[in-house]
Amino acid sequence: MADENVVFIGKKGTMAYVLAVVTQMNQGSSEVFLKARGKAISRAVDVAEIVRNKFVTDVKLGKIEISTEEITSNEGGTLKVSAIEISLKK
């Protein structure tokens, strides 16, 4: 999987990520991956649904993978954070 067709979902507005996905699709990417962790997971689902229903209606959902990632907290301990990867295919 090439890094240029991955959109990392974070704290920006939902439409910023929708625009990123649509732009990649218009530039010829046949598959775009949405990756999110923690509270951003619901935003990733929103982005996928908005792209599918409003902007690029011929996009199909590919694989959806869920996992748990361990990250180091500011206090030095480790935290387990849920993660999701959604594949959108033309």
PDB file of N, CA and C in Angstrom:
ATOM      1  N   MET A   1       0.850  -1.179   0.000  1.00  0.00           N
ATOM      2  CA  MET A   1       0.000   0.000   0.000  1.00  0.00           C
ATOM      3  C   MET A   1       0.895   1.242   0.000  1.00  0.00           C
ATOM      4  N   ALA A   2       0.700   2.078  -1.000  1.00  0.00           N
ATOM      5  CA  ALA A   2       1.496   3.306  -1.099  1.00  0.00           C
ATOM      6  C   ALA A   2       0.933   4.363  -0.156  1.00  0.00           C
ATOM      7  N   ASP A   3       1.833   5.143   0.439  1.00  0.00           N
ATOM      8  CA  ASP A   3       1.411   6.145   1.415  1.00  0.00           C
ATOM      9  C   ASP A   3       0.622   7.293   0.801  1.00  0.00           C
ATOM     10  N   GLU A   4       0.787   7.521  -0.509  1.00  0.00           N
ATOM     11  CA  GLU A   4       0.109   8.676  -1.091  1.00  0.00           C
ATOM     12  C   GLU A   4      -1.405   8.485  -1.212  1.00  0.00           C
ATOM     13  N   ASN A   5      -1.899   7.270  -1.100  1.00  0.00           N
ATOM     14  CA  ASN A   5      -3.350   7.084  -1.166  1.00  0.00           C
ATOM     15  C   ASN A   5      -3.951   6.762   0.201  1.00  0.00           C
ATOM     16  N   VAL A   6      -3.310   7.286   1.257  1.00  0.00           N
ATOM     17  CA  VAL A   6      -3.807   7.129   2.621  1.00  0.00           C
ATOM     18  C   VAL A   6      -4.196   8.501   3.158  1.00  0.00           C
ATOM     19  N   VAL A   7      -5.405   8.587   3.732  1.00  0.00           N
ATOM     20  CA  VAL A   7      -5.841   9.829   4.377  1.00  0.00           C
ATOM     21  C   VAL A   7      -5.949   9.529   5.866  1.00  0.00           C
ATOM     22  N   PHE A   8      -5.122  10.215   6.656  1.00  0.00           N
ATOM     23  CA  PHE A   8      -5.160  10.040   8.107  1.00  0.00           C
ATOM     24  C   PHE A   8      -6.187  11.008   8.684  1.00  0.00           C
ATOM     25  N   ILE A   9      -7.192  10.473   9.370  1.00  0.00           N
ATOM     26  CA  ILE A   9      -8.270  11.285   9.925  1.00  0.00           C
ATOM     27  C   ILE A   9      -7.859  11.763  11.311  1.00  0.00           C
ATOM     28  N   GLY A  10      -7.995  13.057  11.540  1.00  0.00           N
ATOM     29  CA  GLY A  10      -7.614  13.637  12.823  1.00  0.00           C
ATOM     30  C   GLY A  10      -8.668  14.598  13.327  1.00  0.00           C
ATOM     31  N   LYS A  11      -8.243  15.821  13.693  1.00  0.00           N
ATOM     32  CA  LYS A  11      -9.132  16.771  14.354  1.00  0.00           C
ATOM     33  C   LYS A  11      -9.745  17.811  13.440  1.00  0.00           C
ATOM     34  N   LYS A  12      -9.375  17.828  12.167  1.00  0.00           N
ATOM     35  CA  LYS A  12      -9.939  18.813  11.246  1.00  0.00           C
ATOM     36  C   LYS A  12     -11.420  18.531  11.021  1.00  0.00           C
ATOM     37  N   GLY A  13     -12.076  19.448  10.337  1.00  0.00           N
ATOM     38  CA  GLY A  13     -13.483  19.244  10.003  1.00  0.00           C
ATOM     39  C   GLY A  13     -13.651  18.091   9.029  1.00  0.00           C
ATOM     40  N   THR A  14     -14.803  17.460   9.082  1.00  0.00           N
ATOM     41  CA  THR A  14     -15.079  16.304   8.237  1.00  0.00           C
ATOM     42  C   THR A  14     -14.883  16.616   6.756  1.00  0.00           C
ATOM     43  N   MET A  15     -15.349  17.787   6.316  1.00  0.00           N
ATOM     44  CA  MET A  15     -15.291  18.109   4.898  1.00  0.00           C
ATOM     45  C   MET A  15     -13.856  18.257   4.380  1.00  0.00           C
ATOM     46  N   ALA A  16     -12.915  18.598   5.245  1.00  0.00           N
ATOM     47  CA  ALA A  16     -11.511  18.678   4.823  1.00  0.00           C
ATOM     48  C   ALA A  16     -11.022  17.303   4.364  1.00  0.00           C
ATOM     49  N   TYR A  17     -11.434  16.257   5.064  1.00  0.00           N
ATOM     50  CA  TYR A  17     -11.029  14.897   4.706  1.00  0.00           C
ATOM     51  C   TYR A  17     -11.801  14.391   3.496  1.00  0.00           C
ATOM     52  N   VAL A  18     -13.079  14.774   3.403  1.00  0.00           N
ATOM     53  CA  VAL A  18     -13.873  14.413   2.223  1.00  0.00           C
ATOM     54  C   VAL A  18     -13.193  14.986   0.980  1.00  0.00           C
ATOM     55  N   LEU A  19     -12.783  16.261   1.056  1.00  0.00           N
ATOM     56  CA  LEU A  19     -12.102  16.913  -0.061  1.00  0.00           C
ATOM     57  C   LEU A  19     -10.811  16.179  -0.421  1.00  0.00           C
ATOM     58  N   ALA A  20     -10.057  15.748   0.584  1.00  0.00           N
ATOM     59  CA  ALA A  20      -8.809  15.025   0.343  1.00  0.00           C
ATOM     60  C   ALA A  20      -9.063  13.713  -0.406  1.00  0.00           C
ATOM     61  N   VAL A  21     -10.106  12.985  -0.003  1.00  0.00           N
ATOM     62  CA  VAL A  21     -10.431  11.712  -0.653  1.00  0.00           C
ATOM     63  C   VAL A  21     -10.893  11.947  -2.085  1.00  0.00           C
ATOM     64  N   VAL A  22     -11.810  12.908  -2.274  1.00  0.00           N
ATOM     65  CA  VAL A  22     -12.333  13.193  -3.610  1.00  0.00           C
ATOM     66  C   VAL A  22     -11.205  13.651  -4.538  1.00  0.00           C
ATOM     67  N   THR A  23     -10.303  14.473  -4.026  1.00  0.00           N
ATOM     68  CA  THR A  23      -9.163  14.939  -4.822  1.00  0.00           C
ATOM     69  C   THR A  23      -8.303  13.764  -5.271  1.00  0.00           C
ATOM     70  N   GLN A  24      -8.022  12.831  -4.360  1.00  0.00           N
ATOM     71  CA  GLN A  24      -7.211  11.670  -4.734  1.00  0.00           C
ATOM     72  C   GLN A  24      -7.915  10.815  -5.772  1.00  0.00           C
ATOM     73  N   MET A  25      -9.221  10.641  -5.613  1.00  0.00           N
ATOM     74  CA  MET A  25      -9.982   9.857  -6.598  1.00  0.00           C
ATOM     75  C   MET A  25      -9.925  10.535  -7.972  1.00  0.00           C
ATOM     76  N   ASN A  26     -10.070  11.869  -7.988  1.00  0.00           N
ATOM     77  CA  ASN A  26     -10.055  12.609  -9.253  1.00  0.00           C
ATOM     78  C   ASN A  26      -8.679  12.600  -9.906  1.00  0.00           C
ATOM     79  N   GLN A  27      -7.635  12.403  -9.121  1.00  0.00           N
ATOM     80  CA  GLN A  27      -6.281  12.347  -9.668  1.00  0.00           C
ATOM     81  C   GLN A  27      -5.907  10.941 -10.129  1.00  0.00           C
ATOM     82  N   GLY A  28      -6.853  10.031 -10.108  1.00  0.00           N
ATOM     83  CA  GLY A  28      -6.621   8.715 -10.676  1.00  0.00           C
ATOM     84  C   GLY A  28      -6.406   7.581  -9.698  1.00  0.00           C
ATOM     85  N   SER A  29      -6.438   7.835  -8.397  1.00  0.00           N
ATOM     86  CA  SER A  29      -6.299   6.734  -7.439  1.00  0.00           C
ATOM     87  C   SER A  29      -7.543   5.845  -7.523  1.00  0.00           C
ATOM     88  N   SER A  30      -7.311   4.542  -7.684  1.00  0.00           N
ATOM     89  CA  SER A  30      -8.456   3.630  -7.744  1.00  0.00           C
ATOM     90  C   SER A  30      -8.876   3.180  -6.351  1.00  0.00           C
ATOM     91  N   GLU A  31      -7.992   3.389  -5.364  1.00  0.00           N
ATOM     92  CA  GLU A  31      -8.299   2.983  -3.994  1.00  0.00           C
ATOM     93  C   GLU A  31      -7.688   3.993  -3.028  1.00  0.00           C
ATOM     94  N   VAL A  32      -8.480   4.410  -2.050  1.00  0.00           N
ATOM     95  CA  VAL A  32      -8.012   5.343  -1.026  1.00  0.00           C
ATOM     96  C   VAL A  32      -8.305   4.718   0.330  1.00  0.00           C
ATOM     97  N   PHE A  33      -7.350   4.806   1.247  1.00  0.00           N
ATOM     98  CA  PHE A  33      -7.506   4.253   2.584  1.00  0.00           C
ATOM     99  C   PHE A  33      -7.725   5.382   3.579  1.00  0.00           C
ATOM    100  N   LEU A  34      -8.712   5.223   4.441  1.00  0.00           N
ATOM    101  CA  LEU A  34      -8.939   6.150   5.547  1.00  0.00           C
ATOM    102  C   LEU A  34      -8.423   5.467   6.800  1.00  0.00           C
ATOM    103  N   LYS A  35      -7.555   6.150   7.551  1.00  0.00           N
ATOM    104  CA  LYS A  35      -7.042   5.585   8.802  1.00  0.00           C
ATOM    105  C   LYS A  35      -7.376   6.537   9.931  1.00  0.00           C
ATOM    106  N   ALA A  36      -7.837   5.975  11.044  1.00  0.00           N
ATOM    107  CA  ALA A  36      -8.177   6.803  12.204  1.00  0.00           C
ATOM    108  C   ALA A  36      -7.952   6.006  13.470  1.00  0.00           C
ATOM    109  N   ARG A  37      -7.724   6.762  14.562  1.00  0.00           N
ATOM    110  CA  ARG A  37      -7.565   6.151  15.875  1.00  0.00           C
ATOM    111  C   ARG A  37      -8.459   6.866  16.871  1.00  0.00           C
ATOM    112  N   GLY A  38      -8.899   6.139  17.882  1.00  0.00           N
ATOM    113  CA  GLY A  38      -9.622   6.730  19.014  1.00  0.00           C
ATOM    114  C   GLY A  38     -10.880   7.466  18.608  1.00  0.00           C
ATOM    115  N   LYS A  39     -11.014   8.707  19.087  1.00  0.00           N
ATOM    116  CA  LYS A  39     -12.228   9.490  18.850  1.00  0.00           C
ATOM    117  C   LYS A  39     -12.434   9.855  17.392  1.00  0.00           C
ATOM    118  N   ALA A  40     -11.395   9.763  16.577  1.00  0.00           N
ATOM    119  CA  ALA A  40     -11.507  10.109  15.160  1.00  0.00           C
ATOM    120  C   ALA A  40     -12.152   8.995  14.333  1.00  0.00           C
ATOM    121  N   ILE A  41     -12.402   7.844  14.937  1.00  0.00           N
ATOM    122  CA  ILE A  41     -12.986   6.722  14.194  1.00  0.00           C
ATOM    123  C   ILE A  41     -14.362   7.095  13.641  1.00  0.00           C
ATOM    124  N   SER A  42     -15.193   7.745  14.453  1.00  0.00           N
ATOM    125  CA  SER A  42     -16.528   8.108  13.968  1.00  0.00           C
ATOM    126  C   SER A  42     -16.429   9.113  12.828  1.00  0.00           C
ATOM    127  N   ARG A  43     -15.433   9.996  12.867  1.00  0.00           N
ATOM    128  CA  ARG A  43     -15.238  10.961  11.775  1.00  0.00           C
ATOM    129  C   ARG A  43     -14.839  10.222  10.493  1.00  0.00           C
ATOM    130  N   ALA A  44     -14.018   9.178  10.621  1.00  0.00           N
ATOM    131  CA  ALA A  44     -13.609   8.394   9.449  1.00  0.00           C
ATOM    132  C   ALA A  44     -14.812   7.730   8.798  1.00  0.00           C
ATOM    133  N   VAL A  45     -15.717   7.207   9.616  1.00  0.00           N
ATOM    134  CA  VAL A  45     -16.941   6.586   9.089  1.00  0.00           C
ATOM    135  C   VAL A  45     -17.787   7.646   8.389  1.00  0.00           C
ATOM    136  N   ASP A  46     -17.904   8.835   8.996  1.00  0.00           N
ATOM    137  CA  ASP A  46     -18.652   9.929   8.375  1.00  0.00           C
ATOM    138  C   ASP A  46     -18.052  10.302   7.021  1.00  0.00           C
ATOM    139  N   VAL A  47     -16.731  10.410   6.952  1.00  0.00           N
ATOM    140  CA  VAL A  47     -16.063  10.763   5.699  1.00  0.00           C
ATOM    141  C   VAL A  47     -16.375   9.726   4.624  1.00  0.00           C
ATOM    142  N   ALA A  48     -16.263   8.447   4.969  1.00  0.00           N
ATOM    143  CA  ALA A  48     -16.533   7.377   4.004  1.00  0.00           C
ATOM    144  C   ALA A  48     -17.969   7.464   3.490  1.00  0.00           C
ATOM    145  N   GLU A  49     -18.915   7.689   4.371  1.00  0.00           N
ATOM    146  CA  GLU A  49     -20.322   7.752   3.974  1.00  0.00           C
ATOM    147  C   GLU A  49     -20.625   8.986   3.131  1.00  0.00           C
ATOM    148  N   ILE A  50     -20.049  10.130   3.490  1.00  0.00           N
ATOM    149  CA  ILE A  50     -20.290  11.349   2.704  1.00  0.00           C
ATOM    150  C   ILE A  50     -19.705  11.198   1.305  1.00  0.00           C
ATOM    151  N   VAL A  51     -18.492  10.641   1.215  1.00  0.00           N
ATOM    152  CA  VAL A  51     -17.884  10.427  -0.106  1.00  0.00           C
ATOM    153  C   VAL A  51     -18.758   9.503  -0.940  1.00  0.00           C
ATOM    154  N   ARG A  52     -19.202   8.402  -0.351  1.00  0.00           N
ATOM    155  CA  ARG A  52     -19.999   7.410  -1.094  1.00  0.00           C
ATOM    156  C   ARG A  52     -21.359   7.951  -1.517  1.00  0.00           C
ATOM    157  N   ASN A  53     -22.022   8.681  -0.632  1.00  0.00           N
ATOM    158  CA  ASN A  53     -23.408   9.075  -0.894  1.00  0.00           C
ATOM    159  C   ASN A  53     -23.562  10.408  -1.616  1.00  0.00           C
ATOM    160  N   LYS A  54     -22.577  11.299  -1.500  1.00  0.00           N
ATOM    161  CA  LYS A  54     -22.757  12.645  -2.047  1.00  0.00           C
ATOM    162  C   LYS A  54     -21.812  12.991  -3.194  1.00  0.00           C
ATOM    163  N   PHE A  55     -20.563  12.531  -3.142  1.00  0.00           N
ATOM    164  CA  PHE A  55     -19.556  13.037  -4.080  1.00  0.00           C
ATOM    165  C   PHE A  55     -19.164  12.044  -5.163  1.00  0.00           C
ATOM    166  N   VAL A  56     -18.717  10.870  -4.783  1.00  0.00           N
ATOM    167  CA  VAL A  56     -18.277   9.865  -5.765  1.00  0.00           C
ATOM    168  C   VAL A  56     -19.161   8.634  -5.568  1.00  0.00           C
ATOM    169  N   THR A  57     -20.310   8.647  -6.228  1.00  0.00           N
ATOM    170  CA  THR A  57     -21.331   7.630  -5.932  1.00  0.00           C
ATOM    171  C   THR A  57     -20.967   6.238  -6.459  1.00  0.00           C
ATOM    172  N   ASP A  58     -19.932   6.130  -7.318  1.00  0.00           N
ATOM    173  CA  ASP A  58     -19.550   4.795  -7.804  1.00  0.00           C
ATOM    174  C   ASP A  58     -18.470   4.150  -6.939  1.00  0.00           C
ATOM    175  N   VAL A  59     -18.155   4.750  -5.806  1.00  0.00           N
ATOM    176  CA  VAL A  59     -17.153   4.191  -4.895  1.00  0.00           C
ATOM    177  C   VAL A  59     -17.781   3.059  -4.081  1.00  0.00           C
ATOM    178  N   LYS A  60     -17.015   1.987  -3.934  1.00  0.00           N
ATOM    179  CA  LYS A  60     -17.460   0.840  -3.138  1.00  0.00           C
ATOM    180  C   LYS A  60     -16.591   0.732  -1.890  1.00  0.00           C
ATOM    181  N   LEU A  61     -17.178   0.231  -0.827  1.00  0.00           N
ATOM    182  CA  LEU A  61     -16.398  -0.044   0.378  1.00  0.00           C
ATOM    183  C   LEU A  61     -15.550  -1.280   0.138  1.00  0.00           C
ATOM    184  N   GLY A  62     -14.279  -1.175   0.460  1.00  0.00           N
ATOM    185  CA  GLY A  62     -13.402  -2.337   0.393  1.00  0.00           C
ATOM    186  C   GLY A  62     -13.347  -2.980   1.764  1.00  0.00           C
ATOM    187  N   LYS A  63     -12.148  -3.384   2.151  1.00  0.00           N
ATOM    188  CA  LYS A  63     -11.975  -3.993   3.469  1.00  0.00           C
ATOM    189  C   LYS A  63     -12.063  -2.940   4.561  1.00  0.00           C
ATOM    190  N   ILE A  64     -12.616  -3.329   5.678  1.00  0.00           N
ATOM    191  CA  ILE A  64     -12.604  -2.495   6.877  1.00  0.00           C
ATOM    192  C   ILE A  64     -11.883  -3.298   7.945  1.00  0.00           C
ATOM    193  N   GLU A  65     -10.755  -2.770   8.406  1.00  0.00           N
ATOM    194  CA  GLU A  65      -9.978  -3.472   9.418  1.00  0.00           C
ATOM    195  C   GLU A  65     -10.001  -2.681  10.717  1.00  0.00           C
ATOM    196  N   ILE A  66     -10.205  -3.403  11.809  1.00  0.00           N
ATOM    197  CA  ILE A  66     -10.145  -2.766  13.120  1.00  0.00           C
ATOM    198  C   ILE A  66      -9.008  -3.395  13.908  1.00  0.00           C
ATOM    199  N   SER A  67      -8.402  -2.593  14.784  1.00  0.00           N
ATOM    200  CA  SER A  67      -7.277  -3.099  15.557  1.00  0.00           C
ATOM    201  C   SER A  67      -7.120  -2.269  16.820  1.00  0.00           C
ATOM    202  N   THR A  68      -6.181  -2.670  17.643  1.00  0.00           N
ATOM    203  CA  THR A  68      -5.813  -1.905  18.829  1.00  0.00           C
ATOM    204  C   THR A  68      -4.333  -1.595  18.728  1.00  0.00           C
ATOM    205  N   GLU A  69      -3.988  -0.317  18.885  1.00  0.00           N
ATOM    206  CA  GLU A  69      -2.599   0.096  18.819  1.00  0.00           C
ATOM    207  C   GLU A  69      -2.161   0.578  20.197  1.00  0.00           C
ATOM    208  N   GLU A  70      -0.922   0.307  20.525  1.00  0.00           N
ATOM    209  CA  GLU A  70      -0.370   0.800  21.791  1.00  0.00           C
ATOM    210  C   GLU A  70       0.435   2.048  21.504  1.00  0.00           C
ATOM    211  N   ILE A  71       0.133   3.128  22.209  1.00  0.00           N
ATOM    212  CA  ILE A  71       0.908   4.352  22.064  1.00  0.00           C
ATOM    213  C   ILE A  71       1.460   4.747  23.426  1.00  0.00           C
ATOM    214  N   THR A  72       2.557   5.469  23.410  1.00  0.00           N
ATOM    215  CA  THR A  72       3.184   5.916  24.652  1.00  0.00           C
ATOM    216  C   THR A  72       2.536   7.217  25.095  1.00  0.00           C
ATOM    217  N   SER A  73       2.079   7.257  26.331  1.00  0.00           N
ATOM    218  CA  SER A  73       1.437   8.469  26.838  1.00  0.00           C
ATOM    219  C   SER A  73       2.497   9.467  27.295  1.00  0.00           C
ATOM    220  N   ASN A  74       2.067  10.684  27.580  1.00  0.00           N
ATOM    221  CA  ASN A  74       2.984  11.734  28.040  1.00  0.00           C
ATOM    222  C   ASN A  74       3.617  11.382  29.383  1.00  0.00           C
ATOM    223  N   GLU A  75       2.920  10.582  30.172  1.00  0.00           N
ATOM    224  CA  GLU A  75       3.440  10.204  31.492  1.00  0.00           C
ATOM    225  C   GLU A  75       4.429   9.051  31.408  1.00  0.00           C
ATOM    226  N   GLY A  76       4.645   8.507  30.205  1.00  0.00           N
ATOM    227  CA  GLY A  76       5.609   7.435  30.047  1.00  0.00           C
ATOM    228  C   GLY A  76       4.992   6.053  29.993  1.00  0.00           C
ATOM    229  N   GLY A  77       3.715   5.925  30.332  1.00  0.00           N
ATOM    230  CA  GLY A  77       3.048   4.629  30.253  1.00  0.00           C
ATOM    231  C   GLY A  77       2.556   4.361  28.840  1.00  0.00           C
ATOM    232  N   THR A  78       1.932   3.208  28.658  1.00  0.00           N
ATOM    233  CA  THR A  78       1.369   2.904  27.339  1.00  0.00           C
ATOM    234  C   THR A  78      -0.148   2.907  27.417  1.00  0.00           C
ATOM    235  N   LEU A  79      -0.760   3.360  26.345  1.00  0.00           N
ATOM    236  CA  LEU A  79      -2.216   3.377  26.241  1.00  0.00           C
ATOM    237  C   LEU A  79      -2.621   2.505  25.065  1.00  0.00           C
ATOM    238  N   LYS A  80      -3.725   1.808  25.217  1.00  0.00           N
ATOM    239  CA  LYS A  80      -4.271   1.048  24.101  1.00  0.00           C
ATOM    240  C   LYS A  80      -5.359   1.909  23.447  1.00  0.00           C
ATOM    241  N   VAL A  81      -5.230   2.075  22.126  1.00  0.00           N
ATOM    242  CA  VAL A  81      -6.154   2.927  21.391  1.00  0.00           C
ATOM    243  C   VAL A  81      -6.739   2.122  20.238  1.00  0.00           C
ATOM    244  N   SER A  82      -8.051   2.187  20.067  1.00  0.00           N
ATOM    245  CA  SER A  82      -8.689   1.517  18.958  1.00  0.00           C
ATOM    246  C   SER A  82      -8.323   2.221  17.650  1.00  0.00           C
ATOM    247  N   ALA A  83      -8.237   1.443  16.570  1.00  0.00           N
ATOM    248  CA  ALA A  83      -7.897   2.018  15.267  1.00  0.00           C
ATOM    249  C   ALA A  83      -8.765   1.348  14.204  1.00  0.00           C
ATOM    250  N   ILE A  84      -8.999   2.086  13.104  1.00  0.00           N
ATOM    251  CA  ILE A  84      -9.775   1.547  11.999  1.00  0.00           C
ATOM    252  C   ILE A  84      -9.113   1.953  10.696  1.00  0.00           C
ATOM    253  N   GLU A  85      -9.223   1.079   9.692  1.00  0.00           N
ATOM    254  CA  GLU A  85      -8.753   1.399   8.346  1.00  0.00           C
ATOM    255  C   GLU A  85      -9.872   1.018   7.391  1.00  0.00           C
ATOM    256  N   ILE A  86     -10.351   2.000   6.634  1.00  0.00           N
ATOM    257  CA  ILE A  86     -11.459   1.796   5.708  1.00  0.00           C
ATOM    258  C   ILE A  86     -10.916   1.975   4.297  1.00  0.00           C
ATOM    259  N   SER A  87     -11.183   1.002   3.440  1.00  0.00           N
ATOM    260  CA  SER A  87     -10.742   1.069   2.057  1.00  0.00           C
ATOM    261  C   SER A  87     -11.915   1.492   1.173  1.00  0.00           C
ATOM    262  N   LEU A  88     -11.710   2.514   0.351  1.00  0.00           N
ATOM    263  CA  LEU A  88     -12.706   2.951  -0.624  1.00  0.00           C
ATOM    264  C   LEU A  88     -12.157   2.675  -2.019  1.00  0.00           C
ATOM    265  N   LYS A  89     -12.891   1.906  -2.828  1.00  0.00           N
ATOM    266  CA  LYS A  89     -12.413   1.523  -4.167  1.00  0.00           C
ATOM    267  C   LYS A  89     -13.349   2.045  -5.237  1.00  0.00           C
ATOM    268  N   LYS A  90     -12.758   2.507  -6.333  1.00  0.00           N
ATOM    269  CA  LYS A  90     -13.556   2.928  -7.488  1.00  0.00           C
ATOM    270  C   LYS A  90     -13.931   1.721  -8.288  1.00  0.00           C
TER     271      LYS A  90
END
